[in-house]
Amino acid sequence: MSTLTEWLAMDGHGPYVWSAYLITLVVLALNVVQPALAKRNLVRAATRRLRREGL
């Protein structure tokens, strides 16, 4: 168990390294989620506009 703890601590650099990994994962997730949400909103707006115009 101490080997795992030492590995996670990374000689005192663990908090920096793991926070960098976390920030990277959050940014990557946002790069996937935001375009999907924007597309969904765009499709909904286009659908509403077409219904309003009677097409």
C-alpha atoms as a PDB file:
ATOM      1  CA  MET A   1       0.000   0.000   0.000  1.00  0.00           C
ATOM      2  CA  SER A   2       2.873   2.383   0.708  1.00  0.00           C
ATOM      3  CA  THR A   3       4.084   1.935  -2.868  1.00  0.00           C
ATOM      4  CA  LEU A   4       0.743   3.157  -4.188  1.00  0.00           C
ATOM      5  CA  THR A   5       0.768   6.082  -1.765  1.00  0.00           C
ATOM      6  CA  GLU A   6       4.308   6.978  -2.803  1.00  0.00           C
ATOM      7  CA  TRP A   7       3.342   6.732  -6.455  1.00  0.00           C
ATOM      8  CA  LEU A   8       0.318   9.008  -5.950  1.00  0.00           C
ATOM      9  CA  ALA A   9       2.411  11.505  -3.950  1.00  0.00           C
ATOM     10  CA  MET A  10       5.095  11.578  -6.677  1.00  0.00           C
ATOM     11  CA  ASP A  11       7.810  12.861  -4.350  1.00  0.00           C
ATOM     12  CA  GLY A  12       5.689  15.831  -3.294  1.00  0.00           C
ATOM     13  CA  HIS A  13       4.633  16.785  -6.824  1.00  0.00           C
ATOM     14  CA  GLY A  14       1.415  14.755  -6.708  1.00  0.00           C
ATOM     15  CA  PRO A  15      -1.032  17.609  -6.063  1.00  0.00           C
ATOM     16  CA  TYR A  16       0.328  19.588  -9.020  1.00  0.00           C
ATOM     17  CA  VAL A  17       0.401  16.587 -11.355  1.00  0.00           C
ATOM     18  CA  TRP A  18      -3.041  15.266 -10.437  1.00  0.00           C
ATOM     19  CA  SER A  19      -4.643  18.721 -10.592  1.00  0.00           C
ATOM     20  CA  ALA A  20      -3.109  19.172 -14.058  1.00  0.00           C
ATOM     21  CA  TYR A  21      -4.594  15.832 -15.130  1.00  0.00           C
ATOM     22  CA  LEU A  22      -7.976  16.829 -13.706  1.00  0.00           C
ATOM     23  CA  ILE A  23      -7.987  20.196 -15.476  1.00  0.00           C
ATOM     24  CA  THR A  24      -6.999  18.499 -18.739  1.00  0.00           C
ATOM     25  CA  LEU A  25      -9.819  15.963 -18.439  1.00  0.00           C
ATOM     26  CA  VAL A  26     -12.349  18.708 -17.675  1.00  0.00           C
ATOM     27  CA  VAL A  27     -11.251  20.727 -20.711  1.00  0.00           C
ATOM     28  CA  LEU A  28     -11.424  17.658 -22.946  1.00  0.00           C
ATOM     29  CA  ALA A  29     -14.888  16.810 -21.647  1.00  0.00           C
ATOM     30  CA  LEU A  30     -16.062  20.365 -22.304  1.00  0.00           C
ATOM     31  CA  ASN A  31     -14.675  20.138 -25.839  1.00  0.00           C
ATOM     32  CA  VAL A  32     -16.986  17.188 -26.424  1.00  0.00           C
ATOM     33  CA  VAL A  33     -20.063  18.364 -24.528  1.00  0.00           C
ATOM     34  CA  GLN A  34     -20.302  22.008 -25.605  1.00  0.00           C
ATOM     35  CA  PRO A  35     -20.501  21.365 -29.381  1.00  0.00           C
ATOM     36  CA  ALA A  36     -23.083  18.646 -28.804  1.00  0.00           C
ATOM     37  CA  LEU A  37     -25.227  21.027 -26.750  1.00  0.00           C
ATOM     38  CA  ALA A  38     -24.777  23.801 -29.307  1.00  0.00           C
ATOM     39  CA  LYS A  39     -25.854  21.458 -32.106  1.00  0.00           C
ATOM     40  CA  ARG A  40     -28.918  20.367 -30.143  1.00  0.00           C
ATOM     41  CA  ASN A  41     -29.891  23.985 -29.485  1.00  0.00           C
ATOM     42  CA  LEU A  42     -29.346  24.893 -33.140  1.00  0.00           C
ATOM     43  CA  VAL A  43     -31.530  22.019 -34.325  1.00  0.00           C
ATOM     44  CA  ARG A  44     -34.264  22.974 -31.866  1.00  0.00           C
ATOM     45  CA  ALA A  45     -34.154  26.616 -32.975  1.00  0.00           C
ATOM     46  CA  ALA A  46     -34.305  25.605 -36.643  1.00  0.00           C
ATOM     47  CA  THR A  47     -37.233  23.281 -35.958  1.00  0.00           C
ATOM     48  CA  ARG A  48     -39.117  26.038 -34.132  1.00  0.00           C
ATOM     49  CA  ARG A  49     -38.409  28.485 -36.953  1.00  0.00           C
ATOM     50  CA  LEU A  50     -39.641  26.034 -39.602  1.00  0.00           C
ATOM     51  CA  ARG A  51     -42.817  25.315 -37.626  1.00  0.00           C
ATOM     52  CA  ARG A  52     -43.422  29.027 -37.162  1.00  0.00           C
ATOM     53  CA  GLU A  53     -43.004  29.612 -40.904  1.00  0.00           C
ATOM     54  CA  GLY A  54     -45.420  26.784 -41.638  1.00  0.00           C
ATOM     55  CA  LEU A  55     -43.032  24.547 -43.523  1.00  0.00           C
END
